[in-house]
């Protein structure tokens, strides 16, 4: 993806997070898939590195 595409996806996810926190009972319906779980683990570890590919496996 291009940088602008990553930013668009991030903007969408940030909006969903805001809604989860501010709207009682809000659910975006996004199940945590394997890629999302891996990203969460990476962010939680504090080690975010440059990726040459989008293969998080």
Protein backbone atom coordinates (compact mmCIF):
# COMPACT_ATOMS: atom_id res chain seq x y z
CA UNK A 1 0.00 0.00 0.00
CA UNK A 2 0.98 3.59 -0.45
CA UNK A 3 1.52 5.85 2.57
CA UNK A 4 -1.77 7.63 1.90
CA UNK A 5 -3.61 4.29 1.87
CA UNK A 6 -2.10 3.27 5.22
CA UNK A 7 -3.22 6.64 6.62
CA UNK A 8 -6.78 6.12 5.32
CA UNK A 9 -6.99 2.69 6.95
CA UNK A 10 -5.54 4.11 10.18
CA UNK A 11 -8.06 6.99 10.13
CA UNK A 12 -10.92 4.52 9.72
CA UNK A 13 -9.66 2.37 12.62
CA UNK A 14 -9.14 5.42 14.85
CA UNK A 15 -12.74 6.50 14.18
CA UNK A 16 -13.97 3.01 15.05
CA UNK A 17 -11.95 3.10 18.28
CA UNK A 18 -13.48 6.48 19.16
CA UNK A 19 -16.96 5.08 18.56
CA UNK A 20 -16.23 1.97 20.66
CA UNK A 21 -15.23 4.26 23.54
CA UNK A 22 -17.97 6.86 23.21
CA UNK A 23 -21.10 5.06 22.02
CA UNK A 24 -22.58 2.60 24.51
CA UNK A 25 -22.88 -0.82 22.93
CA UNK A 26 -21.19 0.21 19.66
CA UNK A 27 -19.74 -2.64 17.62
CA UNK A 28 -18.05 -2.19 14.27
CA UNK A 29 -18.35 -5.91 13.59
CA UNK A 30 -14.63 -6.34 12.88
CA UNK A 31 -13.48 -9.73 14.13
CA UNK A 32 -9.83 -9.76 15.19
CA UNK A 33 -8.21 -11.67 12.33
CA UNK A 34 -4.74 -13.21 12.37
CA UNK A 35 -3.08 -10.11 10.87
CA UNK A 36 -4.76 -7.76 13.36
CA UNK A 37 -3.75 -9.99 16.28
CA UNK A 38 -0.14 -9.96 15.07
CA UNK A 39 -0.18 -6.16 14.74
CA UNK A 40 -1.57 -5.83 18.26
CA UNK A 41 1.23 -8.08 19.58
CA UNK A 42 3.85 -5.99 17.75
CA UNK A 43 2.48 -2.69 19.08
CA UNK A 44 2.12 -4.11 22.62
CA UNK A 45 5.75 -5.27 22.51
CA UNK A 46 6.90 -1.72 21.79
CA UNK A 47 8.88 -2.85 18.77
CA UNK A 48 7.53 -1.32 15.59
CA UNK A 49 10.01 -1.78 12.78
CA UNK A 50 10.16 -0.82 9.14
CA UNK A 51 8.38 -3.42 7.04
CA UNK A 52 9.66 -4.23 3.56
CA UNK A 53 6.56 -6.33 2.85
CA UNK A 54 3.10 -6.66 4.37
CA UNK A 55 3.74 -10.27 5.31
CA UNK A 56 3.23 -10.33 9.09
CA UNK A 57 3.24 -14.12 9.28
